[in-house]
C-alpha atoms as a PDB file:
ATOM      1  CA  UNK A   1      40.379-183.707 -49.283  1.00  0.00           C
ATOM      2  CA  UNK A   2      40.076-180.491 -51.608  1.00  0.00           C
ATOM      3  CA  UNK A   3      43.562-178.736 -51.896  1.00  0.00           C
ATOM      4  CA  UNK A   4      43.453-174.686 -52.529  1.00  0.00           C
ATOM      5  CA  UNK A   5      46.408-172.854 -53.588  1.00  0.00           C
ATOM      6  CA  UNK A   6      45.723-169.270 -52.847  1.00  0.00           C
ATOM      7  CA  UNK A   7      43.537-167.473 -50.974  1.00  0.00           C
ATOM      8  CA  UNK A   8      39.854-166.068 -51.998  1.00  0.00           C
ATOM      9  CA  UNK A   9      40.979-162.992 -50.015  1.00  0.00           C
ATOM     10  CA  UNK A  10      44.360-162.126 -50.211  1.00  0.00           C
ATOM     11  CA  UNK A  11      45.409-163.985 -52.666  1.00  0.00           C
ATOM     12  CA  UNK A  12      48.953-165.645 -50.526  1.00  0.00           C
ATOM     13  CA  UNK A  13      50.217-168.904 -50.974  1.00  0.00           C
ATOM     14  CA  UNK A  14      50.462-169.852 -47.485  1.00  0.00           C
ATOM     15  CA  UNK A  15      46.378-171.954 -46.669  1.00  0.00           C
ATOM     16  CA  UNK A  16      46.644-174.419 -44.870  1.00  0.00           C
ATOM     17  CA  UNK A  17      43.518-177.670 -45.094  1.00  0.00           C
ATOM     18  CA  UNK A  18      41.951-178.699 -42.725  1.00  0.00           C
ATOM     19  CA  UNK A  19      39.358-181.476 -41.959  1.00  0.00           C
ATOM     20  CA  UNK A  20      36.872-179.237 -44.129  1.00  0.00           C
ATOM     21  CA  UNK A  21      38.054-175.217 -43.168  1.00  0.00           C
ATOM     22  CA  UNK A  22      41.153-173.572 -44.855  1.00  0.00           C
ATOM     23  CA  UNK A  23      42.899-170.405 -43.299  1.00  0.00           C
ATOM     24  CA  UNK A  24      45.241-168.729 -44.500  1.00  0.00           C
ATOM     25  CA  UNK A  25      48.329-168.258 -42.836  1.00  0.00           C
ATOM     26  CA  UNK A  26      48.910-164.699 -43.840  1.00  0.00           C
ATOM     27  CA  UNK A  27      45.253-162.468 -43.279  1.00  0.00           C
ATOM     28  CA  UNK A  28      43.313-165.268 -40.982  1.00  0.00           C
ATOM     29  CA  UNK A  29      40.844-165.976 -43.908  1.00  0.00           C
ATOM     30  CA  UNK A  30      38.450-168.784 -43.018  1.00  0.00           C
ATOM     31  CA  UNK A  31      36.562-170.790 -45.663  1.00  0.00           C
ATOM     32  CA  UNK A  32      34.903-173.256 -44.236  1.00  0.00           C
ATOM     33  CA  UNK A  33      33.542-175.947 -46.636  1.00  0.00           C
ATOM     34  CA  UNK A  34      29.915-176.718 -45.592  1.00  0.00           C
ATOM     35  CA  UNK A  35      27.242-179.596 -45.903  1.00  0.00           C
ATOM     36  CA  UNK A  36      24.956-178.323 -48.477  1.00  0.00           C
ATOM     37  CA  UNK A  37      21.380-179.837 -48.555  1.00  0.00           C
ATOM     38  CA  UNK A  38      20.463-182.336 -51.736  1.00  0.00           C
ATOM     39  CA  UNK A  39      17.131-184.199 -51.930  1.00  0.00           C
ATOM     40  CA  UNK A  40      15.806-187.530 -53.906  1.00  0.00           C
ATOM     41  CA  UNK A  41      11.638-188.464 -54.517  1.00  0.00           C
ATOM     42  CA  UNK A  42      10.713-192.205 -54.696  1.00  0.00           C
ATOM     43  CA  UNK A  43       8.275-192.258 -57.307  1.00  0.00           C
ATOM     44  CA  UNK A  44       6.482-195.612 -57.241  1.00  0.00           C
ATOM     45  CA  UNK A  45       4.213-195.987 -60.636  1.00  0.00           C
ATOM     46  CA  UNK A  46       0.820-198.258 -61.034  1.00  0.00           C
ATOM     47  CA  UNK A  47       3.032-201.164 -61.047  1.00  0.00           C
ATOM     48  CA  UNK A  48       4.616-200.642 -58.302  1.00  0.00           C
ATOM     49  CA  UNK A  49       8.162-199.480 -59.950  1.00  0.00           C
ATOM     50  CA  UNK A  50      10.430-196.527 -59.114  1.00  0.00           C
ATOM     51  CA  UNK A  51      11.091-193.976 -61.478  1.00  0.00           C
ATOM     52  CA  UNK A  52      14.871-193.176 -61.437  1.00  0.00           C
ATOM     53  CA  UNK A  53      15.972-190.721 -64.194  1.00  0.00           C
ATOM     54  CA  UNK A  54      19.373-191.438 -66.478  1.00  0.00           C
ATOM     55  CA  UNK A  55      21.494-189.538 -65.599  1.00  0.00           C
ATOM     56  CA  UNK A  56      22.748-186.549 -68.582  1.00  0.00           C
ATOM     57  CA  UNK A  57      26.215-185.266 -67.261  1.00  0.00           C
ATOM     58  CA  UNK A  58      28.728-186.057 -64.412  1.00  0.00           C
ATOM     59  CA  UNK A  59      29.593-187.094 -61.719  1.00  0.00           C
ATOM     60  CA  UNK A  60      28.163-190.458 -62.442  1.00  0.00           C
ATOM     61  CA  UNK A  61      26.736-189.850 -66.246  1.00  0.00           C
ATOM     62  CA  UNK A  62      24.758-192.513 -67.538  1.00  0.00           C
ATOM     63  CA  UNK A  63      23.548-194.678 -64.115  1.00  0.00           C
ATOM     64  CA  UNK A  64      20.423-193.560 -62.040  1.00  0.00           C
ATOM     65  CA  UNK A  65      19.650-192.116 -59.698  1.00  0.00           C
ATOM     66  CA  UNK A  66      16.208-190.419 -57.977  1.00  0.00           C
ATOM     67  CA  UNK A  67      14.613-187.155 -59.043  1.00  0.00           C
ATOM     68  CA  UNK A  68      16.164-184.503 -57.272  1.00  0.00           C
ATOM     69  CA  UNK A  69      18.751-182.197 -56.643  1.00  0.00           C
ATOM     70  CA  UNK A  70      20.813-178.912 -54.588  1.00  0.00           C
ATOM     71  CA  UNK A  71      18.289-176.926 -52.155  1.00  0.00           C
ATOM     72  CA  UNK A  72      18.621-173.717 -53.260  1.00  0.00           C
ATOM     73  CA  UNK A  73      19.678-171.048 -50.400  1.00  0.00           C
ATOM     74  CA  UNK A  74      16.099-169.914 -48.612  1.00  0.00           C
ATOM     75  CA  UNK A  75      14.560-173.092 -50.326  1.00  0.00           C
ATOM     76  CA  UNK A  76      12.997-175.418 -47.556  1.00  0.00           C
ATOM     77  CA  UNK A  77      13.783-179.547 -48.697  1.00  0.00           C
ATOM     78  CA  UNK A  78       9.660-179.910 -49.776  1.00  0.00           C
ATOM     79  CA  UNK A  79      10.294-176.705 -51.792  1.00  0.00           C
ATOM     80  CA  UNK A  80      12.983-177.933 -53.766  1.00  0.00           C
ATOM     81  CA  UNK A  81      11.236-181.451 -54.037  1.00  0.00           C
ATOM     82  CA  UNK A  82       8.532-179.994 -55.240  1.00  0.00           C
ATOM     83  CA  UNK A  83      11.213-177.703 -57.713  1.00  0.00           C
ATOM     84  CA  UNK A  84      13.007-180.108 -58.811  1.00  0.00           C
ATOM     85  CA  UNK A  85      10.293-182.371 -60.163  1.00  0.00           C
ATOM     86  CA  UNK A  86       9.226-179.102 -61.905  1.00  0.00           C
ATOM     87  CA  UNK A  87      12.284-178.595 -63.847  1.00  0.00           C
ATOM     88  CA  UNK A  88      13.950-181.934 -64.159  1.00  0.00           C
ATOM     89  CA  UNK A  89      10.601-183.920 -64.886  1.00  0.00           C
ATOM     90  CA  UNK A  90       8.331-181.009 -65.851  1.00  0.00           C
ATOM     91  CA  UNK A  91       5.202-182.521 -63.827  1.00  0.00           C
ATOM     92  CA  UNK A  92       3.359-181.547 -60.260  1.00  0.00           C
ATOM     93  CA  UNK A  93       3.942-184.443 -57.174  1.00  0.00           C
ATOM     94  CA  UNK A  94       1.945-184.977 -54.886  1.00  0.00           C
ATOM     95  CA  UNK A  95       1.637-186.464 -50.993  1.00  0.00           C
ATOM     96  CA  UNK A  96       4.645-186.085 -50.267  1.00  0.00           C
ATOM     97  CA  UNK A  97       6.099-187.654 -47.560  1.00  0.00           C
ATOM     98  CA  UNK A  98       9.585-187.647 -45.543  1.00  0.00           C
ATOM     99  CA  UNK A  99      11.326-190.891 -45.813  1.00  0.00           C
ATOM    100  CA  UNK A 100      15.070-190.186 -44.376  1.00  0.00           C
ATOM    101  CA  UNK A 101      18.025-188.997 -44.720  1.00  0.00           C
ATOM    102  CA  UNK A 102      22.345-190.122 -44.938  1.00  0.00           C
ATOM    103  CA  UNK A 103      25.285-188.628 -46.006  1.00  0.00           C
ATOM    104  CA  UNK A 104      27.326-188.210 -49.479  1.00  0.00           C
ATOM    105  CA  UNK A 105      30.048-187.655 -50.983  1.00  0.00           C
ATOM    106  CA  UNK A 106      29.076-185.120 -54.242  1.00  0.00           C
ATOM    107  CA  UNK A 107      32.137-184.474 -56.658  1.00  0.00           C
ATOM    108  CA  UNK A 108      32.355-182.235 -59.510  1.00  0.00           C
ATOM    109  CA  UNK A 109      34.596-180.653 -61.317  1.00  0.00           C
ATOM    110  CA  UNK A 110      37.655-182.171 -59.247  1.00  0.00           C
ATOM    111  CA  UNK A 111      35.830-180.472 -55.861  1.00  0.00           C
ATOM    112  CA  UNK A 112      34.591-182.815 -53.390  1.00  0.00           C
ATOM    113  CA  UNK A 113      31.435-181.868 -51.738  1.00  0.00           C
ATOM    114  CA  UNK A 114      29.921-183.385 -48.276  1.00  0.00           C
ATOM    115  CA  UNK A 115      25.533-183.441 -48.533  1.00  0.00           C
ATOM    116  CA  UNK A 116      23.196-184.165 -46.794  1.00  0.00           C
ATOM    117  CA  UNK A 117      20.724-185.999 -48.880  1.00  0.00           C
ATOM    118  CA  UNK A 118      16.545-185.611 -47.539  1.00  0.00           C
ATOM    119  CA  UNK A 119      15.067-188.780 -49.619  1.00  0.00           C
ATOM    120  CA  UNK A 120      11.036-188.476 -50.211  1.00  0.00           C
ATOM    121  CA  UNK A 121       8.533-190.293 -51.294  1.00  0.00           C
ATOM    122  CA  UNK A 122       6.038-188.698 -54.067  1.00  0.00           C
ATOM    123  CA  UNK A 123       2.808-189.267 -56.122  1.00  0.00           C
ATOM    124  CA  UNK A 124       2.501-187.835 -60.007  1.00  0.00           C
ATOM    125  CA  UNK A 125       0.031-185.720 -60.184  1.00  0.00           C
ATOM    126  CA  UNK A 126      -2.438-187.310 -62.934  1.00  0.00           C
ATOM    127  CA  UNK A 127      -2.153-187.865 -65.997  1.00  0.00           C
ATOM    128  CA  UNK A 128       0.659-186.633 -65.944  1.00  0.00           C
ATOM    129  CA  UNK A 129       2.551-186.312 -69.246  1.00  0.00           C
ATOM    130  CA  UNK A 130       6.785-185.906 -68.439  1.00  0.00           C
ATOM    131  CA  UNK A 131       9.337-183.855 -70.252  1.00  0.00           C
ATOM    132  CA  UNK A 132      12.704-184.236 -69.174  1.00  0.00           C
ATOM    133  CA  UNK A 133      15.364-181.477 -68.756  1.00  0.00           C
ATOM    134  CA  UNK A 134      17.444-182.528 -71.794  1.00  0.00           C
ATOM    135  CA  UNK A 135      20.890-180.843 -70.383  1.00  0.00           C
ATOM    136  CA  UNK A 136      20.234-183.544 -66.584  1.00  0.00           C
ATOM    137  CA  UNK A 137      18.057-186.107 -68.045  1.00  0.00           C
ATOM    138  CA  UNK A 138      18.990-188.694 -70.648  1.00  0.00           C
ATOM    139  CA  UNK A 139      15.964-191.194 -69.622  1.00  0.00           C
ATOM    140  CA  UNK A 140      14.092-191.942 -67.563  1.00  0.00           C
ATOM    141  CA  UNK A 141      13.587-195.781 -66.441  1.00  0.00           C
ATOM    142  CA  UNK A 142      11.010-197.926 -64.427  1.00  0.00           C
ATOM    143  CA  UNK A 143      13.125-200.561 -62.315  1.00  0.00           C
ATOM    144  CA  UNK A 144      10.872-203.026 -59.843  1.00  0.00           C
ATOM    145  CA  UNK A 145      12.491-202.855 -56.275  1.00  0.00           C
ATOM    146  CA  UNK A 146      11.478-205.616 -54.364  1.00  0.00           C
ATOM    147  CA  UNK A 147      14.313-206.381 -52.039  1.00  0.00           C
ATOM    148  CA  UNK A 148      17.896-205.653 -50.805  1.00  0.00           C
ATOM    149  CA  UNK A 149      19.149-207.180 -53.292  1.00  0.00           C
ATOM    150  CA  UNK A 150      17.414-205.674 -56.301  1.00  0.00           C
ATOM    151  CA  UNK A 151      18.924-203.013 -55.360  1.00  0.00           C
ATOM    152  CA  UNK A 152      22.050-204.448 -55.085  1.00  0.00           C
ATOM    153  CA  UNK A 153      21.858-204.332 -58.927  1.00  0.00           C
ATOM    154  CA  UNK A 154      20.554-200.796 -60.010  1.00  0.00           C
ATOM    155  CA  UNK A 155      23.430-198.582 -61.383  1.00  0.00           C
ATOM    156  CA  UNK A 156      22.804-195.746 -58.343  1.00  0.00           C
ATOM    157  CA  UNK A 157      25.119-192.966 -59.131  1.00  0.00           C
ATOM    158  CA  UNK A 158      24.308-192.349 -55.328  1.00  0.00           C
ATOM    159  CA  UNK A 159      25.455-194.594 -52.510  1.00  0.00           C
ATOM    160  CA  UNK A 160      22.739-192.577 -50.374  1.00  0.00           C
ATOM    161  CA  UNK A 161      20.711-193.692 -52.869  1.00  0.00           C
ATOM    162  CA  UNK A 162      21.178-197.243 -52.017  1.00  0.00           C
ATOM    163  CA  UNK A 163      20.884-196.953 -48.233  1.00  0.00           C
ATOM    164  CA  UNK A 164      17.617-195.047 -48.143  1.00  0.00           C
ATOM    165  CA  UNK A 165      15.675-197.099 -50.674  1.00  0.00           C
ATOM    166  CA  UNK A 166      17.203-200.183 -48.879  1.00  0.00           C
ATOM    167  CA  UNK A 167      15.415-198.742 -45.752  1.00  0.00           C
ATOM    168  CA  UNK A 168      12.133-198.081 -48.102  1.00  0.00           C
ATOM    169  CA  UNK A 169      12.565-201.759 -48.869  1.00  0.00           C
ATOM    170  CA  UNK A 170      12.542-202.878 -45.504  1.00  0.00           C
ATOM    171  CA  UNK A 171       9.327-200.781 -43.968  1.00  0.00           C
ATOM    172  CA  UNK A 172       7.610-201.302 -47.248  1.00  0.00           C
ATOM    173  CA  UNK A 173       7.685-204.482 -48.282  1.00  0.00           C
END
């Protein structure tokens, strides 16, 4: 649970932390810790290997993750998929198809964010040449994923990615 010591409105120390909100005992201000939306893309190459990014920064630096990220305000999940691929990989995608969603917890700078991670399948445009976003992605790995055991052996950054990949393997293999 996230802990705040001061009310963001009046600055008083009489702030009570509840399950997913904080209430100021002095001014009555309520702050909700709502769920954030994030997207992840399952992209297979022509050999059937799944494309993963190697995370360059925390949380989970060095672990593997799908291309993707948080949806921006006013953006659909689908728009976020296209934008994230352009930003992180420098490529366009096609044939976007929704796969499923899983809840996740994302810890950043000591704050726990609850997310709803929405996963999609996509294909790279023909002859796509990747240009990695160097502050986010240190490398690309292509990994064969043919079974639940394969998924369990991938050092994935987030549990939601593991859950969706297991569901995806069951549906396509």
